[in-house]
Amino acid sequence: MWRGILAFLLLAISTVAADAQRRQINPIPFSHEPCSVLDYRPCTPYYCSPLEHGPCIPEIDYPYGQNLQLTIESVPAEADRAKYRKPDHDLDTIGDLFAELRTCWSPPPDNARAGMQMAVRFSFNKAGGMIGPPQLTYATAGVPADTRATYLNAINSSLKACLPLKFTSGLGGALAGRPIAIRYVDNRELGK
């Protein structure tokens, strides 16, 4: 009888020790901690089942690959010249799309301003057409309205000249409706 009680106690102690050892490992990646009313530091909200044992790991949407942002310079740096070559095939990757958009840009010849920057945001449909006109999101401060209008017209006409883009079915399906932000930088030396 004493052997049975001793075996039961040893089994109970080893189970508790193993459970304590297992709980010391932090299974939550990148230092995200579940929330608690007693926490004093930032935490990640989560939703768990009351039937689950211990804290649950929250589903965290990391923003990798979610931003389609591109900078286009009027005069690219020597190291970036290869990025400004038009692809000779249907657009199959984001890099192909960005190269195509870079080759479309032609800055305004008149009413231009050195160092002018303007950013627009728009989306493509599956067939390579634009969904609505590009929306202006940024323009260099202190620039007269007519200069801003000149650059916006140059952006619109440059994009319209390239449309419709020829996407492969995979890229067209992946890009359809996703916003693309393009920053145009006029880095030409004007007036010299």
Protein backbone atom coordinates (compact mmCIF):
# COMPACT_ATOMS: atom_id res chain seq x y z
CA MET A 1 0.00 0.00 0.00
CA TRP A 2 2.79 2.43 0.90
CA ARG A 3 4.43 1.61 -2.41
CA GLY A 4 1.25 2.60 -4.28
CA ILE A 5 0.99 5.91 -2.41
CA LEU A 6 4.69 6.62 -2.96
CA ALA A 7 4.40 5.82 -6.68
CA PHE A 8 1.33 8.05 -6.93
CA LEU A 9 3.13 10.95 -5.20
CA LEU A 10 6.19 10.59 -7.43
CA LEU A 11 4.00 10.54 -10.52
CA ALA A 12 2.09 13.63 -9.34
CA ILE A 13 5.32 15.53 -8.55
CA SER A 14 6.90 14.64 -11.89
CA THR A 15 3.75 15.72 -13.76
CA VAL A 16 3.68 19.07 -11.93
CA ALA A 17 7.43 19.59 -12.53
CA ALA A 18 7.07 18.70 -16.23
CA ASP A 19 4.09 21.03 -16.54
CA ALA A 20 6.03 23.86 -14.84
CA GLN A 21 9.01 23.22 -17.11
CA ARG A 22 6.77 23.29 -20.19
CA ARG A 23 5.18 26.62 -19.19
CA GLN A 24 8.56 28.35 -18.83
CA ILE A 25 9.07 28.34 -22.60
CA ASN A 26 7.62 31.43 -24.26
CA PRO A 27 5.93 30.13 -27.42
CA ILE A 28 4.92 33.59 -28.59
CA PRO A 29 7.16 34.91 -31.37
CA PHE A 30 8.72 38.36 -31.58
CA SER A 31 8.02 39.24 -27.93
CA HIS A 32 4.30 39.70 -28.46
CA GLU A 33 2.57 38.95 -25.19
CA PRO A 34 -1.12 38.26 -24.69
CA CYS A 35 -3.02 40.96 -22.81
CA SER A 36 -3.91 40.82 -19.16
CA VAL A 37 -5.55 43.37 -16.89
CA LEU A 38 -2.50 43.12 -14.63
CA ASP A 39 0.08 43.87 -17.34
CA TYR A 40 1.94 47.15 -17.30
CA ARG A 41 3.52 46.84 -20.75
CA PRO A 42 2.03 46.85 -24.28
CA CYS A 43 0.48 43.58 -25.33
CA THR A 44 -1.23 41.90 -28.24
CA PRO A 45 -4.99 41.38 -27.92
CA TYR A 46 -6.13 37.80 -28.43
CA TYR A 47 -9.23 35.68 -28.35
CA CYS A 48 -9.07 32.16 -26.93
CA SER A 49 -11.41 29.36 -26.12
CA PRO A 50 -12.08 28.69 -22.43
CA LEU A 51 -11.36 25.06 -23.24
CA GLU A 52 -7.75 25.74 -24.26
CA HIS A 53 -5.03 25.15 -21.71
CA GLY A 54 -2.79 28.17 -20.98
CA PRO A 55 -2.36 31.34 -23.03
CA CYS A 56 -3.06 31.15 -26.73
CA ILE A 57 -0.92 32.53 -29.51
CA PRO A 58 -2.68 35.42 -31.26
CA GLU A 59 -3.01 35.53 -35.01
CA ILE A 60 -0.81 38.46 -35.96
CA ASP A 61 -0.99 39.88 -39.47
CA TYR A 62 2.51 41.02 -40.24
CA PRO A 63 2.63 43.66 -42.96
CA TYR A 64 5.26 41.92 -45.08
CA GLY A 65 4.62 42.55 -48.75
CA GLN A 66 1.46 44.54 -48.11
CA ASN A 67 2.73 47.92 -49.26
CA LEU A 68 3.15 48.47 -52.96
CA GLN A 69 5.24 51.64 -52.85
CA LEU A 70 7.50 52.92 -55.57
CA THR A 71 9.73 55.95 -56.07
CA ILE A 72 10.31 57.13 -59.62
CA GLU A 73 13.05 59.66 -60.33
CA SER A 74 13.17 61.73 -63.49
CA VAL A 75 16.90 61.06 -63.80
CA PRO A 76 17.74 57.70 -62.20
CA ALA A 77 21.08 57.10 -60.52
CA GLU A 78 23.62 55.12 -62.54
CA ALA A 79 23.25 52.14 -60.19
CA ASP A 80 19.46 52.09 -60.74
CA ARG A 81 19.44 52.26 -64.56
CA ALA A 82 18.56 48.55 -64.87
CA LYS A 83 15.35 49.14 -62.87
CA TYR A 84 14.23 51.64 -65.52
CA ARG A 85 14.24 49.18 -68.45
CA LYS A 86 10.89 48.13 -69.88
CA PRO A 87 10.25 44.38 -69.59
CA ASP A 88 9.97 42.57 -72.95
CA HIS A 89 7.33 40.12 -71.69
CA ASP A 90 3.99 40.13 -69.90
CA LEU A 91 4.29 41.48 -66.38
CA ASP A 92 4.68 38.53 -64.03
CA THR A 93 6.25 40.01 -60.88
CA ILE A 94 6.05 43.17 -58.79
CA GLY A 95 9.54 44.04 -60.10
CA ASP A 96 8.23 43.85 -63.67
CA LEU A 97 5.31 46.10 -62.74
CA PHE A 98 7.59 48.65 -61.10
CA ALA A 99 9.97 48.65 -64.10
CA GLU A 100 7.02 49.22 -66.45
CA LEU A 101 5.71 52.10 -64.32
CA ARG A 102 9.19 53.65 -64.20
CA THR A 103 9.48 53.61 -68.00
CA CYS A 104 6.07 55.28 -68.32
CA TRP A 105 7.13 58.46 -66.52
CA SER A 106 7.89 61.52 -68.58
CA PRO A 107 8.26 64.71 -66.50
CA PRO A 108 6.70 67.95 -67.71
CA PRO A 109 8.96 69.95 -70.05
CA ASP A 110 7.55 73.35 -69.07
CA ASN A 111 6.51 74.86 -65.76
CA ALA A 112 8.81 72.35 -64.05
CA ARG A 113 10.49 72.83 -60.72
CA ALA A 114 13.74 71.25 -59.53
CA GLY A 115 13.23 68.99 -56.54
CA MET A 116 9.47 68.76 -57.01
CA GLN A 117 7.93 65.68 -55.41
CA MET A 118 4.43 64.39 -55.86
CA ALA A 119 2.81 61.16 -54.71
CA VAL A 120 -0.32 59.48 -56.03
CA ARG A 121 -2.25 56.38 -55.09
CA PHE A 122 -4.38 54.17 -57.34
CA SER A 123 -5.29 50.56 -58.10
CA PHE A 124 -5.34 48.31 -61.13
CA ASN A 125 -8.03 45.89 -62.18
CA LYS A 126 -7.33 42.32 -63.25
CA ALA A 127 -7.07 43.29 -66.94
CA GLY A 128 -4.37 45.91 -66.31
CA GLY A 129 -6.59 49.00 -66.44
CA MET A 130 -6.75 51.63 -63.73
CA ILE A 131 -9.62 51.69 -61.24
CA GLY A 132 -10.48 55.37 -61.13
CA PRO A 133 -8.08 58.28 -61.47
CA PRO A 134 -4.92 58.53 -59.34
CA GLN A 135 -5.51 60.32 -56.06
CA LEU A 136 -2.97 62.96 -55.04
CA THR A 137 -1.57 62.15 -51.59
CA TYR A 138 1.44 64.47 -51.38
CA ALA A 139 2.95 67.48 -53.12
CA THR A 140 6.01 69.52 -52.19
CA ALA A 141 5.02 72.34 -49.84
CA GLY A 142 5.08 75.91 -51.07
CA VAL A 143 4.65 75.03 -54.75
CA PRO A 144 2.18 77.17 -56.73
CA ALA A 145 -1.11 75.53 -57.73
CA ASP A 146 -0.34 75.74 -61.46
CA THR A 147 2.94 73.82 -60.99
CA ARG A 148 1.12 71.14 -58.99
CA ALA A 149 -1.51 70.91 -61.73
CA THR A 150 1.23 70.59 -64.38
CA TYR A 151 2.84 67.67 -62.54
CA LEU A 152 -0.48 65.96 -61.84
CA ASN A 153 -1.40 66.24 -65.54
CA ALA A 154 2.01 64.79 -66.49
CA ILE A 155 1.47 61.88 -64.10
CA ASN A 156 -2.03 61.20 -65.44
CA SER A 157 -0.97 61.38 -69.09
CA SER A 158 2.11 59.19 -68.46
CA LEU A 159 0.01 56.51 -66.80
CA LYS A 160 -2.71 56.66 -69.46
CA ALA A 161 -0.10 56.23 -72.21
CA CYS A 162 0.98 52.89 -70.67
CA LEU A 163 -2.47 51.46 -70.04
CA PRO A 164 -3.65 48.79 -70.17
CA LEU A 165 -0.69 46.95 -68.70
CA LYS A 166 -0.29 43.33 -69.77
CA PHE A 167 -0.40 41.27 -66.56
CA THR A 168 -0.13 37.52 -66.44
CA SER A 169 -3.26 35.98 -64.93
CA GLY A 170 -1.45 35.31 -61.64
CA LEU A 171 -0.18 38.86 -61.19
CA GLY A 172 -3.46 40.37 -62.39
CA GLY A 173 -5.40 38.40 -59.82
CA ALA A 174 -2.95 39.25 -57.04
CA LEU A 175 -2.87 43.00 -57.81
CA ALA A 176 -6.53 43.62 -58.58
CA GLY A 177 -7.83 46.30 -56.24
CA ARG A 178 -4.65 46.60 -54.16
CA PRO A 179 -3.51 50.21 -53.71
CA ILE A 180 -0.22 51.25 -55.28
CA ALA A 181 1.54 54.40 -54.07
CA ILE A 182 4.03 56.10 -56.37
CA ARG A 183 6.25 59.01 -55.40
CA TYR A 184 7.57 60.99 -58.37
CA VAL A 185 10.76 62.97 -57.81
CA ASP A 186 11.89 65.51 -60.39
CA ASN A 187 15.63 65.52 -59.76
CA ARG A 188 16.58 67.11 -63.09
CA GLU A 189 18.89 70.10 -63.10
CA LEU A 190 16.58 72.76 -64.48
CA GLY A 191 17.56 76.19 -65.69
CA LYS A 192 21.21 75.40 -66.42
